[in-house]
C-alpha atoms as a PDB file:
ATOM      1  CA  UNK A   1     -11.611  14.530  -7.649  1.00  0.00           C
ATOM      2  CA  UNK A   2     -12.057  11.888  -8.803  1.00  0.00           C
ATOM      3  CA  UNK A   3      -8.566  10.156  -9.378  1.00  0.00           C
ATOM      4  CA  UNK A   4      -7.722  12.524  -6.087  1.00  0.00           C
ATOM      5  CA  UNK A   5     -10.327  10.255  -4.801  1.00  0.00           C
ATOM      6  CA  UNK A   6      -9.010   6.500  -6.796  1.00  0.00           C
ATOM      7  CA  UNK A   7      -5.409   7.021  -4.711  1.00  0.00           C
ATOM      8  CA  UNK A   8      -7.650   7.730  -0.975  1.00  0.00           C
ATOM      9  CA  UNK A   9      -9.506   4.966  -1.286  1.00  0.00           C
ATOM     10  CA  UNK A  10      -7.254   2.875  -2.767  1.00  0.00           C
ATOM     11  CA  UNK A  11      -4.271   3.648  -0.406  1.00  0.00           C
ATOM     12  CA  UNK A  12      -7.093   3.510   2.397  1.00  0.00           C
ATOM     13  CA  UNK A  13      -5.251   5.948   4.937  1.00  0.00           C
ATOM     14  CA  UNK A  14      -5.134   9.962   5.080  1.00  0.00           C
ATOM     15  CA  UNK A  15      -2.178  10.633   2.802  1.00  0.00           C
ATOM     16  CA  UNK A  16      -0.147  14.364   2.258  1.00  0.00           C
ATOM     17  CA  UNK A  17      -1.058  16.207  -0.754  1.00  0.00           C
ATOM     18  CA  UNK A  18       2.582  15.562  -2.337  1.00  0.00           C
ATOM     19  CA  UNK A  19       1.787  11.430  -2.364  1.00  0.00           C
ATOM     20  CA  UNK A  20      -1.597  12.164  -4.070  1.00  0.00           C
ATOM     21  CA  UNK A  21      -0.254  14.018  -6.858  1.00  0.00           C
ATOM     22  CA  UNK A  22       3.028  11.670  -7.346  1.00  0.00           C
ATOM     23  CA  UNK A  23       0.395   8.301  -7.145  1.00  0.00           C
ATOM     24  CA  UNK A  24      -2.364  10.288 -10.125  1.00  0.00           C
ATOM     25  CA  UNK A  25       1.102  10.673 -11.671  1.00  0.00           C
ATOM     26  CA  UNK A  26       1.695   7.191 -11.347  1.00  0.00           C
ATOM     27  CA  UNK A  27      -1.106   5.903 -11.813  1.00  0.00           C
ATOM     28  CA  UNK A  28      -3.208   7.996 -14.286  1.00  0.00           C
ATOM     29  CA  UNK A  29       0.025   9.571 -15.737  1.00  0.00           C
ATOM     30  CA  UNK A  30      -0.977  12.930 -15.309  1.00  0.00           C
ATOM     31  CA  UNK A  31       0.196  15.801 -13.335  1.00  0.00           C
ATOM     32  CA  UNK A  32      -1.969  17.871 -11.283  1.00  0.00           C
ATOM     33  CA  UNK A  33      -1.406  21.043 -10.019  1.00  0.00           C
ATOM     34  CA  UNK A  34      -0.764  20.941  -5.768  1.00  0.00           C
ATOM     35  CA  UNK A  35      -1.683  24.586  -5.048  1.00  0.00           C
ATOM     36  CA  UNK A  36      -5.625  23.796  -7.280  1.00  0.00           C
ATOM     37  CA  UNK A  37      -5.444  20.594  -5.905  1.00  0.00           C
ATOM     38  CA  UNK A  38      -5.150  21.363  -2.553  1.00  0.00           C
ATOM     39  CA  UNK A  39      -8.578  23.991  -3.384  1.00  0.00           C
ATOM     40  CA  UNK A  40     -10.264  21.616  -4.743  1.00  0.00           C
ATOM     41  CA  UNK A  41      -9.979  18.878  -1.707  1.00  0.00           C
ATOM     42  CA  UNK A  42     -10.517  21.916   0.849  1.00  0.00           C
ATOM     43  CA  UNK A  43     -13.112  23.173  -0.437  1.00  0.00           C
ATOM     44  CA  UNK A  44     -14.668  19.342  -0.600  1.00  0.00           C
ATOM     45  CA  UNK A  45     -14.100  19.199   2.972  1.00  0.00           C
ATOM     46  CA  UNK A  46     -15.829  22.281   3.844  1.00  0.00           C
ATOM     47  CA  UNK A  47     -18.789  20.845   1.787  1.00  0.00           C
ATOM     48  CA  UNK A  48     -19.130  17.951   3.993  1.00  0.00           C
ATOM     49  CA  UNK A  49     -17.749  15.981   0.520  1.00  0.00           C
ATOM     50  CA  UNK A  50     -16.345  13.147   0.402  1.00  0.00           C
ATOM     51  CA  UNK A  51     -13.172  14.164   2.284  1.00  0.00           C
ATOM     52  CA  UNK A  52     -11.847  15.426   5.628  1.00  0.00           C
ATOM     53  CA  UNK A  53      -8.253  16.775   6.190  1.00  0.00           C
ATOM     54  CA  UNK A  54      -6.810  14.861   9.363  1.00  0.00           C
ATOM     55  CA  UNK A  55      -3.486  17.034   9.088  1.00  0.00           C
ATOM     56  CA  UNK A  56      -2.350  19.854   7.566  1.00  0.00           C
ATOM     57  CA  UNK A  57      -2.464  19.626   3.791  1.00  0.00           C
ATOM     58  CA  UNK A  58      -3.503  15.676   4.815  1.00  0.00           C
ATOM     59  CA  UNK A  59      -6.304  14.592   3.049  1.00  0.00           C
ATOM     60  CA  UNK A  60      -8.827  11.481   3.568  1.00  0.00           C
ATOM     61  CA  UNK A  61     -12.000   9.949   2.793  1.00  0.00           C
ATOM     62  CA  UNK A  62     -14.179  10.741   5.162  1.00  0.00           C
ATOM     63  CA  UNK A  63     -15.045   6.701   6.018  1.00  0.00           C
ATOM     64  CA  UNK A  64     -11.752   5.886   6.003  1.00  0.00           C
ATOM     65  CA  UNK A  65     -10.131   8.894   7.772  1.00  0.00           C
ATOM     66  CA  UNK A  66     -13.215   7.696  10.881  1.00  0.00           C
ATOM     67  CA  UNK A  67     -12.605   4.269  10.677  1.00  0.00           C
ATOM     68  CA  UNK A  68     -16.484   3.904  10.915  1.00  0.00           C
ATOM     69  CA  UNK A  69     -19.144   5.465   8.875  1.00  0.00           C
ATOM     70  CA  UNK A  70     -20.670   9.106  10.372  1.00  0.00           C
ATOM     71  CA  UNK A  71     -23.854   6.796  11.204  1.00  0.00           C
ATOM     72  CA  UNK A  72     -23.096   4.779  13.611  1.00  0.00           C
ATOM     73  CA  UNK A  73     -20.452   2.437  14.738  1.00  0.00           C
ATOM     74  CA  UNK A  74     -17.010   2.823  17.157  1.00  0.00           C
ATOM     75  CA  UNK A  75     -15.023   6.112  18.151  1.00  0.00           C
ATOM     76  CA  UNK A  76     -13.159   7.739  15.202  1.00  0.00           C
ATOM     77  CA  UNK A  77      -9.076   7.620  15.555  1.00  0.00           C
ATOM     78  CA  UNK A  78      -9.037  11.307  14.816  1.00  0.00           C
ATOM     79  CA  UNK A  79     -10.960  14.534  16.541  1.00  0.00           C
ATOM     80  CA  UNK A  80     -11.805  16.319  13.208  1.00  0.00           C
ATOM     81  CA  UNK A  81     -15.097  17.951  13.510  1.00  0.00           C
ATOM     82  CA  UNK A  82     -16.207  18.230  10.306  1.00  0.00           C
ATOM     83  CA  UNK A  83     -16.300  14.364  10.176  1.00  0.00           C
ATOM     84  CA  UNK A  84     -18.095  14.660  13.265  1.00  0.00           C
ATOM     85  CA  UNK A  85     -20.882  17.128  12.817  1.00  0.00           C
ATOM     86  CA  UNK A  86     -22.681  17.914  15.892  1.00  0.00           C
ATOM     87  CA  UNK A  87     -26.851  16.416  15.079  1.00  0.00           C
END
């Protein structure tokens, strides 16, 4: 998960899982199982832990996906309700 986090942080935008996997292979020299990565990211999304899903098999870091910190700031550029829980 740390490798995916690093890739998304470096990219600073939502990425499809295929792109995340390609970048992990290039940067870290590791081949990660696609289904395992999707499953792990999906579980983190459900727990609101660092990641959000912005589209089909497309993920971003929570702050990057919103364009703002969850605690306040400007409007988001997406409509992912997991990223914007109601108080």
